């Protein structure tokens, strides 16, 4: 897991604990990275099954 992936994972985990899904703007502000880099990191986390999105509940699964 890269530093950016670890940082995004922790942001999503911590924000979802309080029932708030981070927006792209939240992730941009907190990581200091652009949208393409964030999308790539999230896709990598999903492909390695470290993150999953539940469409019915609209929340992240860890």
PDB file of N, CA and C in Angstrom:
ATOM      1  N   UNK A   1       0.857  -1.171   0.000  1.00  0.00           N
ATOM      2  CA  UNK A   1       0.000   0.000   0.000  1.00  0.00           C
ATOM      3  C   UNK A   1       0.907   1.240   0.000  1.00  0.00           C
ATOM      4  N   UNK A   2       0.660   2.137  -0.936  1.00  0.00           N
ATOM      5  CA  UNK A   2       1.459   3.355  -0.998  1.00  0.00           C
ATOM      6  C   UNK A   2       1.024   4.339   0.091  1.00  0.00           C
ATOM      7  N   UNK A   3       1.823   5.381   0.269  1.00  0.00           N
ATOM      8  CA  UNK A   3       1.489   6.381   1.278  1.00  0.00           C
ATOM      9  C   UNK A   3       0.151   7.050   0.981  1.00  0.00           C
ATOM     10  N   UNK A   4      -0.080   7.358  -0.291  1.00  0.00           N
ATOM     11  CA  UNK A   4      -1.344   8.000  -0.664  1.00  0.00           C
ATOM     12  C   UNK A   4      -2.520   7.059  -0.417  1.00  0.00           C
ATOM     13  N   UNK A   5      -2.372   5.792  -0.784  1.00  0.00           N
ATOM     14  CA  UNK A   5      -3.449   4.827  -0.546  1.00  0.00           C
ATOM     15  C   UNK A   5      -3.723   4.679   0.946  1.00  0.00           C
ATOM     16  N   UNK A   6      -2.678   4.633   1.744  1.00  0.00           N
ATOM     17  CA  UNK A   6      -2.844   4.516   3.192  1.00  0.00           C
ATOM     18  C   UNK A   6      -3.555   5.746   3.754  1.00  0.00           C
ATOM     19  N   UNK A   7      -3.172   6.916   3.264  1.00  0.00           N
ATOM     20  CA  UNK A   7      -3.784   8.155   3.732  1.00  0.00           C
ATOM     21  C   UNK A   7      -5.265   8.209   3.351  1.00  0.00           C
ATOM     22  N   UNK A   8      -5.580   7.859   2.116  1.00  0.00           N
ATOM     23  CA  UNK A   8      -6.978   7.860   1.665  1.00  0.00           C
ATOM     24  C   UNK A   8      -7.789   6.836   2.448  1.00  0.00           C
ATOM     25  N   UNK A   9      -7.222   5.665   2.671  1.00  0.00           N
ATOM     26  CA  UNK A   9      -7.904   4.622   3.441  1.00  0.00           C
ATOM     27  C   UNK A   9      -8.250   5.147   4.833  1.00  0.00           C
ATOM     28  N   UNK A  10      -7.295   5.795   5.495  1.00  0.00           N
ATOM     29  CA  UNK A  10      -7.523   6.306   6.855  1.00  0.00           C
ATOM     30  C   UNK A  10      -8.571   7.425   6.851  1.00  0.00           C
ATOM     31  N   UNK A  11      -8.543   8.289   5.843  1.00  0.00           N
ATOM     32  CA  UNK A  11      -9.533   9.371   5.754  1.00  0.00           C
ATOM     33  C   UNK A  11     -10.928   8.782   5.587  1.00  0.00           C
ATOM     34  N   UNK A  12     -11.070   7.847   4.651  1.00  0.00           N
ATOM     35  CA  UNK A  12     -12.384   7.228   4.416  1.00  0.00           C
ATOM     36  C   UNK A  12     -12.843   6.476   5.658  1.00  0.00           C
ATOM     37  N   UNK A  13     -11.945   5.732   6.282  1.00  0.00           N
ATOM     38  CA  UNK A  13     -12.295   4.963   7.481  1.00  0.00           C
ATOM     39  C   UNK A  13     -12.750   5.895   8.605  1.00  0.00           C
ATOM     40  N   UNK A  14     -11.966   6.912   8.884  1.00  0.00           N
ATOM     41  CA  UNK A  14     -12.295   7.801   9.999  1.00  0.00           C
ATOM     42  C   UNK A  14     -13.572   8.602   9.749  1.00  0.00           C
ATOM     43  N   UNK A  15     -13.771   9.069   8.531  1.00  0.00           N
ATOM     44  CA  UNK A  15     -14.985   9.843   8.254  1.00  0.00           C
ATOM     45  C   UNK A  15     -16.220   8.947   8.239  1.00  0.00           C
ATOM     46  N   UNK A  16     -16.077   7.713   7.767  1.00  0.00           N
ATOM     47  CA  UNK A  16     -17.242   6.833   7.700  1.00  0.00           C
ATOM     48  C   UNK A  16     -17.649   6.330   9.080  1.00  0.00           C
ATOM     49  N   UNK A  17     -16.750   6.379  10.043  1.00  0.00           N
ATOM     50  CA  UNK A  17     -17.114   6.002  11.416  1.00  0.00           C
ATOM     51  C   UNK A  17     -18.202   6.923  11.959  1.00  0.00           C
ATOM     52  N   UNK A  18     -18.227   8.154  11.451  1.00  0.00           N
ATOM     53  CA  UNK A  18     -19.219   9.128  11.889  1.00  0.00           C
ATOM     54  C   UNK A  18     -20.320   9.299  10.854  1.00  0.00           C
ATOM     55  N   UNK A  19     -20.504   8.273   9.995  1.00  0.00           N
ATOM     56  CA  UNK A  19     -21.573   8.214   8.993  1.00  0.00           C
ATOM     57  C   UNK A  19     -21.506   9.362   7.990  1.00  0.00           C
ATOM     58  N   UNK A  20     -20.277   9.771   7.642  1.00  0.00           N
ATOM     59  CA  UNK A  20     -20.117  10.797   6.621  1.00  0.00           C
ATOM     60  C   UNK A  20     -19.150  10.269   5.579  1.00  0.00           C
ATOM     61  N   UNK A  21     -19.612  10.180   4.335  1.00  0.00           N
ATOM     62  CA  UNK A  21     -18.732   9.762   3.255  1.00  0.00           C
ATOM     63  C   UNK A  21     -17.965  10.975   2.751  1.00  0.00           C
ATOM     64  N   UNK A  22     -16.633  10.857   2.655  1.00  0.00           N
ATOM     65  CA  UNK A  22     -15.861  12.005   2.178  1.00  0.00           C
ATOM     66  C   UNK A  22     -16.129  12.278   0.696  1.00  0.00           C
ATOM     67  N   UNK A  23     -16.221  13.535   0.357  1.00  0.00           N
ATOM     68  CA  UNK A  23     -16.401  13.922  -1.037  1.00  0.00           C
ATOM     69  C   UNK A  23     -15.030  14.009  -1.700  1.00  0.00           C
ATOM     70  N   UNK A  24     -15.034  14.170  -3.010  1.00  0.00           N
ATOM     71  CA  UNK A  24     -13.774  14.323  -3.726  1.00  0.00           C
ATOM     72  C   UNK A  24     -13.054  15.579  -3.251  1.00  0.00           C
ATOM     73  N   UNK A  25     -13.813  16.646  -2.973  1.00  0.00           N
ATOM     74  CA  UNK A  25     -13.200  17.873  -2.466  1.00  0.00           C
ATOM     75  C   UNK A  25     -12.549  17.648  -1.101  1.00  0.00           C
ATOM     76  N   UNK A  26     -13.192  16.859  -0.237  1.00  0.00           N
ATOM     77  CA  UNK A  26     -12.594  16.515   1.060  1.00  0.00           C
ATOM     78  C   UNK A  26     -11.266  15.803   0.859  1.00  0.00           C
ATOM     79  N   UNK A  27     -11.256  14.817  -0.036  1.00  0.00           N
ATOM     80  CA  UNK A  27     -10.040  14.045  -0.274  1.00  0.00           C
ATOM     81  C   UNK A  27      -8.945  14.904  -0.905  1.00  0.00           C
ATOM     82  N   UNK A  28      -9.314  15.795  -1.809  1.00  0.00           N
ATOM     83  CA  UNK A  28      -8.331  16.691  -2.422  1.00  0.00           C
ATOM     84  C   UNK A  28      -7.698  17.593  -1.365  1.00  0.00           C
ATOM     85  N   UNK A  29      -8.543  18.150  -0.506  1.00  0.00           N
ATOM     86  CA  UNK A  29      -8.063  19.079   0.516  1.00  0.00           C
ATOM     87  C   UNK A  29      -7.177  18.377   1.539  1.00  0.00           C
ATOM     88  N   UNK A  30      -7.573  17.193   1.955  1.00  0.00           N
ATOM     89  CA  UNK A  30      -6.841  16.491   3.010  1.00  0.00           C
ATOM     90  C   UNK A  30      -5.561  15.813   2.520  1.00  0.00           C
ATOM     91  N   UNK A  31      -5.510  15.435   1.223  1.00  0.00           N
ATOM     92  CA  UNK A  31      -4.313  14.772   0.705  1.00  0.00           C
ATOM     93  C   UNK A  31      -3.400  15.723  -0.049  1.00  0.00           C
ATOM     94  N   UNK A  32      -3.961  16.796  -0.594  1.00  0.00           N
ATOM     95  CA  UNK A  32      -3.165  17.716  -1.392  1.00  0.00           C
ATOM     96  C   UNK A  32      -2.879  17.187  -2.790  1.00  0.00           C
ATOM     97  N   UNK A  33      -3.610  16.167  -3.209  1.00  0.00           N
ATOM     98  CA  UNK A  33      -3.422  15.554  -4.528  1.00  0.00           C
ATOM     99  C   UNK A  33      -4.585  15.902  -5.437  1.00  0.00           C
ATOM    100  N   UNK A  34      -4.414  15.640  -6.731  1.00  0.00           N
ATOM    101  CA  UNK A  34      -5.455  15.901  -7.711  1.00  0.00           C
ATOM    102  C   UNK A  34      -6.417  14.736  -7.848  1.00  0.00           C
ATOM    103  N   UNK A  35      -7.502  14.987  -8.566  1.00  0.00           N
ATOM    104  CA  UNK A  35      -8.541  13.976  -8.734  1.00  0.00           C
ATOM    105  C   UNK A  35      -8.055  12.700  -9.414  1.00  0.00           C
ATOM    106  N   UNK A  36      -7.240  12.780 -10.482  1.00  0.00           N
ATOM    107  CA  UNK A  36      -6.787  11.526 -11.125  1.00  0.00           C
ATOM    108  C   UNK A  36      -5.973  10.627 -10.179  1.00  0.00           C
ATOM    109  N   UNK A  37      -5.119  11.228  -9.365  1.00  0.00           N
ATOM    110  CA  UNK A  37      -4.298  10.441  -8.425  1.00  0.00           C
ATOM    111  C   UNK A  37      -5.170   9.794  -7.353  1.00  0.00           C
ATOM    112  N   UNK A  38      -6.170  10.532  -6.882  1.00  0.00           N
ATOM    113  CA  UNK A  38      -7.075   9.996  -5.852  1.00  0.00           C
ATOM    114  C   UNK A  38      -7.902   8.849  -6.420  1.00  0.00           C
ATOM    115  N   UNK A  39      -8.438   9.037  -7.629  1.00  0.00           N
ATOM    116  CA  UNK A  39      -9.239   7.977  -8.257  1.00  0.00           C
ATOM    117  C   UNK A  39      -8.411   6.712  -8.471  1.00  0.00           C
ATOM    118  N   UNK A  40      -7.184   6.880  -8.906  1.00  0.00           N
ATOM    119  CA  UNK A  40      -6.308   5.729  -9.131  1.00  0.00           C
ATOM    120  C   UNK A  40      -6.030   4.996  -7.818  1.00  0.00           C
ATOM    121  N   UNK A  41      -5.777   5.745  -6.754  1.00  0.00           N
ATOM    122  CA  UNK A  41      -5.498   5.129  -5.451  1.00  0.00           C
ATOM    123  C   UNK A  41      -6.724   4.374  -4.929  1.00  0.00           C
ATOM    124  N   UNK A  42      -7.908   4.960  -5.071  1.00  0.00           N
ATOM    125  CA  UNK A  42      -9.134   4.299  -4.605  1.00  0.00           C
ATOM    126  C   UNK A  42      -9.397   3.036  -5.431  1.00  0.00           C
ATOM    127  N   UNK A  43      -9.188   3.112  -6.742  1.00  0.00           N
ATOM    128  CA  UNK A  43      -9.367   1.926  -7.589  1.00  0.00           C
ATOM    129  C   UNK A  43      -8.403   0.821  -7.195  1.00  0.00           C
ATOM    130  N   UNK A  44      -7.161   1.189  -6.849  1.00  0.00           N
ATOM    131  CA  UNK A  44      -6.200   0.188  -6.392  1.00  0.00           C
ATOM    132  C   UNK A  44      -6.660  -0.458  -5.082  1.00  0.00           C
ATOM    133  N   UNK A  45      -7.178   0.331  -4.161  1.00  0.00           N
ATOM    134  CA  UNK A  45      -7.674  -0.212  -2.892  1.00  0.00           C
ATOM    135  C   UNK A  45      -8.846  -1.151  -3.118  1.00  0.00           C
ATOM    136  N   UNK A  46      -9.733  -0.788  -4.038  1.00  0.00           N
ATOM    137  CA  UNK A  46     -10.893  -1.632  -4.330  1.00  0.00           C
ATOM    138  C   UNK A  46     -10.459  -2.921  -5.018  1.00  0.00           C
ATOM    139  N   UNK A  47      -9.508  -2.815  -5.952  1.00  0.00           N
ATOM    140  CA  UNK A  47      -9.069  -4.014  -6.686  1.00  0.00           C
ATOM    141  C   UNK A  47      -8.361  -5.008  -5.769  1.00  0.00           C
ATOM    142  N   UNK A  48      -7.700  -4.512  -4.717  1.00  0.00           N
ATOM    143  CA  UNK A  48      -7.049  -5.409  -3.757  1.00  0.00           C
ATOM    144  C   UNK A  48      -7.982  -5.825  -2.632  1.00  0.00           C
ATOM    145  N   UNK A  49      -9.272  -5.434  -2.750  1.00  0.00           N
ATOM    146  CA  UNK A  49     -10.319  -5.794  -1.796  1.00  0.00           C
ATOM    147  C   UNK A  49     -10.048  -5.267  -0.387  1.00  0.00           C
ATOM    148  N   UNK A  50      -9.379  -4.124  -0.309  1.00  0.00           N
ATOM    149  CA  UNK A  50      -9.179  -3.467   0.979  1.00  0.00           C
ATOM    150  C   UNK A  50     -10.330  -2.512   1.274  1.00  0.00           C
ATOM    151  N   UNK A  51     -11.002  -2.071   0.214  1.00  0.00           N
ATOM    152  CA  UNK A  51     -12.196  -1.230   0.313  1.00  0.00           C
ATOM    153  C   UNK A  51     -13.267  -1.806  -0.589  1.00  0.00           C
ATOM    154  N   UNK A  52     -14.511  -1.588  -0.206  1.00  0.00           N
ATOM    155  CA  UNK A  52     -15.639  -1.986  -1.056  1.00  0.00           C
ATOM    156  C   UNK A  52     -16.766  -0.987  -0.813  1.00  0.00           C
ATOM    157  N   UNK A  53     -17.563  -0.752  -1.849  1.00  0.00           N
ATOM    158  CA  UNK A  53     -18.681   0.177  -1.755  1.00  0.00           C
ATOM    159  C   UNK A  53     -19.975  -0.613  -1.765  1.00  0.00           C
ATOM    160  N   UNK A  54     -20.796  -0.438  -0.737  1.00  0.00           N
ATOM    161  CA  UNK A  54     -22.107  -1.084  -0.665  1.00  0.00           C
ATOM    162  C   UNK A  54     -23.122  -0.131  -1.287  1.00  0.00           C
ATOM    163  N   UNK A  55     -23.642  -0.502  -2.456  1.00  0.00           N
ATOM    164  CA  UNK A  55     -24.544   0.386  -3.188  1.00  0.00           C
ATOM    165  C   UNK A  55     -25.876   0.579  -2.480  1.00  0.00           C
ATOM    166  N   UNK A  56     -26.367  -0.472  -1.821  1.00  0.00           N
ATOM    167  CA  UNK A  56     -27.667  -0.361  -1.143  1.00  0.00           C
ATOM    168  C   UNK A  56     -27.589   0.569   0.064  1.00  0.00           C
ATOM    169  N   UNK A  57     -26.591   0.361   0.905  1.00  0.00           N
ATOM    170  CA  UNK A  57     -26.454   1.169   2.118  1.00  0.00           C
ATOM    171  C   UNK A  57     -25.742   2.490   1.866  1.00  0.00           C
ATOM    172  N   UNK A  58     -25.100   2.610   0.677  1.00  0.00           N
ATOM    173  CA  UNK A  58     -24.327   3.784   0.312  1.00  0.00           C
ATOM    174  C   UNK A  58     -23.275   4.100   1.356  1.00  0.00           C
ATOM    175  N   UNK A  59     -22.453   3.068   1.663  1.00  0.00           N
ATOM    176  CA  UNK A  59     -21.368   3.263   2.619  1.00  0.00           C
ATOM    177  C   UNK A  59     -20.186   2.385   2.241  1.00  0.00           C
ATOM    178  N   UNK A  60     -19.020   2.722   2.785  1.00  0.00           N
ATOM    179  CA  UNK A  60     -17.813   1.955   2.524  1.00  0.00           C
ATOM    180  C   UNK A  60     -17.749   0.744   3.442  1.00  0.00           C
ATOM    181  N   UNK A  61     -17.242  -0.355   2.920  1.00  0.00           N
ATOM    182  CA  UNK A  61     -17.020  -1.563   3.706  1.00  0.00           C
ATOM    183  C   UNK A  61     -15.521  -1.799   3.798  1.00  0.00           C
ATOM    184  N   UNK A  62     -15.069  -2.218   4.965  1.00  0.00           N
ATOM    185  CA  UNK A  62     -13.626  -2.416   5.185  1.00  0.00           C
ATOM    186  C   UNK A  62     -13.314  -3.863   5.421  1.00  0.00           C
TER     187      UNK A  62
END
